[in-house]
Amino acid sequence: MIDSIIVQKDFEITTLTNRSADPLLLRQAVKQDTIQLHFCIKGSGTLQYGPHYSRSVISKHSLLLYNPDMALPIDLSLSPQSEYIIFIISIQEFHSFFSQVAELIHFLNEENRNKKYYLEKELSPAEILVLKQLLDGDRNNAMQDLYQKGKAYEVLSLYFGKKDEASGACPFLDSEENVDKIKRVKHLIINNMAEPPTLQDLADEVGLSVSKLKDGFKHIYGETVFTFLFDYKMEYARKQLVSRQFNVAEISYQIGYSTPSHFIHAFKKKYGTTPKQYVMSLT
């Protein structure tokens, strides 16, 4: 599957997910004076340049390509069971993002700005996490486009940002194992949203202390465990109301409210209107 995201003028993203047993091919013309960022999240991809030269991008690695003298069309073969993202940004737009810190980015400084530049590097767990969020999207978020654009800028910030060990960054993002544990917590509360486990039960299930679970979840998802769950339940309920397959009482029980009145109060707190008024507004 190949999808495109237009972040803004002269900034486009292509996402590729290959679940098949055969290679997935992408051929795309790219303008000169364009930066390409290739991110392989899983599997591997091979970029072909003419009959005799190719470059591979392996799992959890990236490749930056910039050549001011010629266009570099994309001829990509993505191996089976692979996930891959390509950022295509004009050099003008890129300069507008980083003009104040150009000297910190090697190929933007005055000495190198008109030279071709290639960079291969391993992706950090933090970069992989945000790239996965960009690839998967937030299907429970009514503002999916805005969510993905925000993740695109976050990827650039992580990729080009200067690493500062004393910055107080979340230690969970330095450990893929811990990130996976926090992601398991998210799935556990979603799958059990009608009767969610306690924080202690969640911590025991994934092998973390309660304090580490709380801190890690807040750093990765931007909110506490149960604030995230509340938002998820309300968005789930809103979509059920739109589908008109269930009445208010049925939806309230699906998401764990003991009485419809409690659900109605929570829905109004979130959306500023009652479920009934919301459904009426759809007609």
Protein backbone atom coordinates (compact mmCIF):
# COMPACT_ATOMS: atom_id res chain seq x y z
CA MET A 1 0.00 0.00 0.00
CA ILE A 2 1.31 3.42 -0.98
CA ASP A 3 -0.15 6.66 0.43
CA SER A 4 0.77 10.33 0.12
CA ILE A 5 0.53 13.12 2.66
CA ILE A 6 0.83 16.75 1.60
CA VAL A 7 2.24 18.48 4.67
CA GLN A 8 2.49 21.89 3.03
CA LYS A 9 3.68 23.43 -0.23
CA ASP A 10 6.88 21.69 -1.38
CA PHE A 11 6.78 19.19 1.49
CA GLU A 12 5.32 15.79 0.66
CA ILE A 13 5.46 12.42 2.39
CA THR A 14 5.04 8.98 0.83
CA THR A 15 4.31 6.03 3.10
CA LEU A 16 4.72 2.44 1.96
CA THR A 17 3.54 -0.72 3.69
CA ASN A 18 4.23 -4.04 2.00
CA ARG A 19 2.29 -6.92 3.57
CA SER A 20 2.60 -9.13 0.47
CA ALA A 21 5.11 -11.81 -0.44
CA ASP A 22 6.38 -9.79 -3.42
CA PRO A 23 8.45 -6.59 -3.62
CA LEU A 24 6.51 -3.32 -3.73
CA LEU A 25 7.79 -0.96 -6.42
CA LEU A 26 7.70 2.84 -6.40
CA ARG A 27 8.90 5.01 -9.25
CA GLN A 28 8.51 8.73 -8.71
CA ALA A 29 9.97 11.79 -10.39
CA VAL A 30 11.55 14.28 -8.00
CA LYS A 31 12.49 17.88 -8.74
CA GLN A 32 16.04 19.11 -8.56
CA ASP A 33 16.97 21.11 -5.43
CA THR A 34 15.01 18.69 -3.29
CA ILE A 35 15.99 16.87 -0.11
CA GLN A 36 14.94 13.26 0.25
CA LEU A 37 14.76 11.54 3.62
CA HIS A 38 14.25 7.78 3.46
CA PHE A 39 13.22 5.98 6.64
CA CYS A 40 13.03 2.18 6.82
CA ILE A 41 11.03 1.23 9.88
CA LYS A 42 10.90 -2.50 9.16
CA GLY A 43 12.37 -4.81 6.51
CA SER A 44 14.49 -3.19 3.81
CA GLY A 45 14.31 -1.13 0.65
CA THR A 46 16.66 -0.79 -2.32
CA LEU A 47 17.04 2.43 -4.31
CA GLN A 48 18.21 1.94 -7.89
CA TYR A 49 20.19 4.65 -9.69
CA GLY A 50 20.84 3.55 -13.22
CA PRO A 51 21.79 0.02 -14.29
CA HIS A 52 24.90 -0.34 -12.16
CA TYR A 53 24.36 1.48 -8.85
CA SER A 54 21.98 0.99 -5.95
CA ARG A 55 21.75 1.79 -2.26
CA SER A 56 19.94 -0.22 0.38
CA VAL A 57 18.15 1.16 3.43
CA ILE A 58 17.78 -1.50 6.10
CA SER A 59 15.44 -1.78 9.07
CA LYS A 60 15.65 1.07 11.60
CA HIS A 61 17.99 3.10 9.42
CA SER A 62 17.66 6.25 7.34
CA LEU A 63 19.21 7.78 4.24
CA LEU A 64 19.35 11.51 3.46
CA LEU A 65 19.95 12.49 -0.18
CA TYR A 66 20.62 15.98 -1.53
CA ASN A 67 22.19 16.88 -4.85
CA PRO A 68 21.82 20.51 -6.00
CA ASP A 69 23.21 19.66 -9.44
CA MET A 70 20.73 17.01 -10.58
CA ALA A 71 17.36 15.46 -9.87
CA LEU A 72 17.35 12.08 -8.10
CA PRO A 73 14.22 10.20 -9.21
CA ILE A 74 13.00 7.54 -6.81
CA ASP A 75 13.18 3.95 -8.06
CA LEU A 76 12.47 1.92 -4.93
CA SER A 77 11.97 -1.80 -4.44
CA LEU A 78 10.53 -2.49 -0.99
CA SER A 79 11.00 -6.03 0.28
CA PRO A 80 8.05 -8.09 1.58
CA GLN A 81 6.81 -7.36 5.10
CA SER A 82 8.43 -3.91 5.13
CA GLU A 83 7.45 -0.42 6.28
CA TYR A 84 9.03 2.67 4.72
CA ILE A 85 8.52 6.44 4.69
CA ILE A 86 9.94 9.07 2.32
CA PHE A 87 10.07 12.81 3.03
CA ILE A 88 10.51 15.05 -0.04
CA ILE A 89 11.21 18.70 0.82
CA SER A 90 12.41 21.55 -1.37
CA ILE A 91 15.65 23.09 -0.16
CA GLN A 92 13.88 26.47 0.11
CA GLU A 93 11.25 25.09 2.47
CA PHE A 94 13.90 23.21 4.41
CA HIS A 95 15.90 26.40 4.91
CA SER A 96 12.76 28.11 6.23
CA PHE A 97 12.42 25.40 8.90
CA PHE A 98 16.02 25.57 10.10
CA SER A 99 17.30 29.02 9.12
CA GLN A 100 18.15 29.95 12.72
CA VAL A 101 20.21 26.81 13.31
CA ALA A 102 21.68 26.29 9.83
CA GLU A 103 25.24 26.17 11.19
CA LEU A 104 24.30 23.15 13.32
CA ILE A 105 23.15 21.19 10.28
CA HIS A 106 26.19 20.20 8.26
CA PHE A 107 24.86 20.50 4.72
CA LEU A 108 23.07 23.81 5.43
CA ASN A 109 26.06 25.77 6.58
CA GLU A 110 27.60 28.31 4.23
CA GLU A 111 30.51 26.11 3.23
CA ASN A 112 28.41 23.12 2.17
CA ARG A 113 25.01 24.46 1.13
CA ASN A 114 25.71 24.09 -2.61
CA LYS A 115 27.39 20.69 -2.37
CA LYS A 116 25.78 17.28 -2.71
CA TYR A 117 25.25 15.51 0.59
CA TYR A 118 24.44 11.95 1.63
CA LEU A 119 23.97 10.65 5.14
CA GLU A 120 23.16 7.15 6.38
CA LYS A 121 22.37 6.72 10.05
CA GLU A 122 20.65 4.44 12.50
CA LEU A 123 17.31 5.66 13.81
CA SER A 124 16.83 6.20 17.53
CA PRO A 125 13.91 4.53 19.36
CA ALA A 126 12.29 7.98 19.66
CA GLU A 127 12.48 8.50 15.89
CA ILE A 128 11.10 5.02 15.20
CA LEU A 129 8.20 5.61 17.59
CA VAL A 130 7.12 8.87 15.90
CA LEU A 131 7.60 7.39 12.42
CA LYS A 132 5.33 4.49 13.40
CA GLN A 133 2.76 6.96 14.68
CA LEU A 134 2.99 8.83 11.39
CA LEU A 135 2.63 5.61 9.39
CA ASP A 136 -0.27 4.23 11.44
CA GLY A 137 -2.03 7.56 11.93
CA ASP A 138 -4.52 8.12 14.74
CA ARG A 139 -7.71 6.53 13.47
CA ASN A 140 -9.56 7.57 16.62
CA ASN A 141 -8.72 11.22 16.03
CA ALA A 142 -11.23 13.22 14.01
CA MET A 143 -8.34 15.52 12.98
CA GLN A 144 -6.21 12.80 11.37
CA ASP A 145 -4.61 15.12 8.80
CA LEU A 146 -3.46 17.58 11.45
CA TYR A 147 -2.17 14.71 13.58
CA GLN A 148 -0.01 13.36 10.73
CA LYS A 149 1.34 16.79 9.82
CA GLY A 150 2.32 17.35 13.44
CA LYS A 151 4.14 14.01 13.47
CA ALA A 152 6.00 14.97 10.28
CA TYR A 153 7.44 18.08 11.93
CA GLU A 154 8.23 16.06 15.05
CA VAL A 155 10.26 13.62 12.94
CA LEU A 156 12.30 16.50 11.49
CA SER A 157 12.88 17.92 14.95
CA LEU A 158 14.15 14.59 16.25
CA TYR A 159 16.22 13.81 13.18
CA PHE A 160 18.06 17.13 13.01
CA GLY A 161 17.86 18.17 16.66
CA LYS A 162 21.05 18.29 18.66
CA LYS A 163 21.08 15.50 21.24
CA ASP A 164 21.57 16.77 24.76
CA GLU A 165 22.15 14.16 27.41
CA ALA A 166 21.32 16.65 30.15
CA SER A 167 18.06 17.77 28.60
CA GLY A 168 15.92 15.56 30.79
CA ALA A 169 14.56 13.58 27.84
CA CYS A 170 12.44 10.59 28.75
CA PRO A 171 14.67 7.55 29.41
CA PHE A 172 11.92 5.34 27.96
CA LEU A 173 12.65 6.68 24.49
CA ASP A 174 16.20 5.37 24.76
CA SER A 175 14.97 1.79 25.23
CA GLU A 176 12.92 0.04 22.58
CA GLU A 177 11.92 -2.59 25.14
CA ASN A 178 10.42 0.06 27.41
CA VAL A 179 8.63 1.73 24.50
CA ASP A 180 7.10 -1.65 23.60
CA LYS A 181 5.94 -2.09 27.21
CA ILE A 182 4.21 1.29 27.20
CA LYS A 183 2.57 0.46 23.86
CA ARG A 184 1.30 -2.77 25.40
CA VAL A 185 -0.26 -0.74 28.20
CA LYS A 186 -2.13 1.31 25.60
CA HIS A 187 -3.49 -1.82 23.93
CA LEU A 188 -4.46 -3.34 27.27
CA ILE A 189 -6.58 -0.38 28.33
CA ILE A 190 -8.20 -0.09 24.90
CA ASN A 191 -9.05 -3.80 24.77
CA ASN A 192 -10.45 -3.64 28.30
CA MET A 193 -11.98 -0.17 28.23
CA ALA A 194 -15.29 -1.28 29.77
CA GLU A 195 -13.46 -2.64 32.83
CA PRO A 196 -9.95 -1.17 32.68
CA PRO A 197 -7.19 -2.66 34.83
CA THR A 198 -5.76 -0.61 37.66
CA LEU A 199 -2.38 1.04 37.24
CA GLN A 200 -0.87 -1.60 39.50
CA ASP A 201 -2.39 -4.40 37.39
CA LEU A 202 -1.04 -2.78 34.23
CA ALA A 203 2.39 -2.31 35.75
CA ASP A 204 2.51 -5.96 36.86
CA GLU A 205 1.35 -7.15 33.43
CA VAL A 206 4.11 -5.37 31.49
CA GLY A 207 6.87 -5.55 34.10
CA LEU A 208 7.25 -1.91 35.13
CA SER A 209 6.81 -0.01 38.35
CA VAL A 210 3.70 2.17 38.55
CA SER A 211 5.77 5.36 38.59
CA LYS A 212 7.76 4.33 35.49
CA LEU A 213 4.57 3.32 33.73
CA LYS A 214 2.96 6.69 34.46
CA ASP A 215 6.02 8.70 33.44
CA GLY A 216 6.65 6.66 30.30
CA PHE A 217 3.03 6.80 29.14
CA LYS A 218 2.88 10.56 29.64
CA HIS A 219 6.11 11.11 27.68
CA ILE A 220 5.11 8.87 24.77
CA TYR A 221 1.41 9.71 24.43
CA GLY A 222 1.35 13.19 25.92
CA GLU A 223 -1.28 12.50 28.58
CA THR A 224 -1.93 10.26 31.57
CA VAL A 225 -3.16 6.70 31.17
CA PHE A 226 -6.73 7.43 32.19
CA THR A 227 -6.97 10.77 30.37
CA PHE A 228 -5.96 8.88 27.24
CA LEU A 229 -8.56 6.21 27.99
CA PHE A 230 -11.28 8.81 28.56
CA ASP A 231 -10.52 10.50 25.24
CA TYR A 232 -10.48 7.14 23.47
CA LYS A 233 -13.83 6.11 24.98
CA MET A 234 -15.47 9.39 24.04
CA GLU A 235 -14.21 9.19 20.45
CA TYR A 236 -15.36 5.56 20.25
CA ALA A 237 -18.79 6.60 21.55
CA ARG A 238 -18.99 9.48 19.07
CA LYS A 239 -18.33 7.13 16.17
CA GLN A 240 -20.94 4.69 17.44
CA LEU A 241 -23.47 7.52 17.58
CA VAL A 242 -22.63 8.44 13.99
CA SER A 243 -23.15 4.82 12.89
CA ARG A 244 -26.61 4.78 14.57
CA GLN A 245 -26.25 1.06 15.26
CA PHE A 246 -26.67 1.41 19.02
CA ASN A 247 -28.67 3.65 21.33
CA VAL A 248 -27.19 5.78 24.10
CA ALA A 249 -27.75 3.16 26.81
CA GLU A 250 -26.04 0.43 24.79
CA ILE A 251 -23.05 2.63 24.00
CA SER A 252 -22.69 3.67 27.64
CA TYR A 253 -22.44 0.02 28.70
CA GLN A 254 -19.99 -0.80 25.90
CA ILE A 255 -17.50 1.72 27.23
CA GLY A 256 -17.98 0.91 30.89
CA TYR A 257 -20.48 3.40 32.34
CA SER A 258 -22.84 1.94 34.92
CA THR A 259 -25.69 4.25 33.92
CA PRO A 260 -26.45 6.24 30.75
CA SER A 261 -26.61 9.44 32.79
CA HIS A 262 -22.93 9.12 33.72
CA PHE A 263 -22.06 8.62 30.06
CA ILE A 264 -24.17 11.62 29.00
CA HIS A 265 -22.39 13.81 31.55
CA ALA A 266 -18.95 12.64 30.35
CA PHE A 267 -19.86 13.12 26.67
CA LYS A 268 -21.06 16.65 27.32
CA LYS A 269 -17.87 17.41 29.27
CA LYS A 270 -15.81 16.29 26.27
CA TYR A 271 -17.84 17.68 23.35
CA GLY A 272 -20.00 20.39 24.91
CA THR A 273 -23.25 18.70 23.86
CA THR A 274 -25.29 15.66 24.88
CA PRO A 275 -25.26 12.47 22.78
CA LYS A 276 -28.87 13.07 21.72
CA GLN A 277 -28.17 16.65 20.66
CA TYR A 278 -25.07 15.47 18.79
CA VAL A 279 -27.05 12.86 16.83
CA MET A 280 -29.74 15.42 16.01
CA SER A 281 -27.09 17.79 14.67
CA LEU A 282 -26.05 15.16 12.11
CA THR A 283 -29.40 15.20 10.30
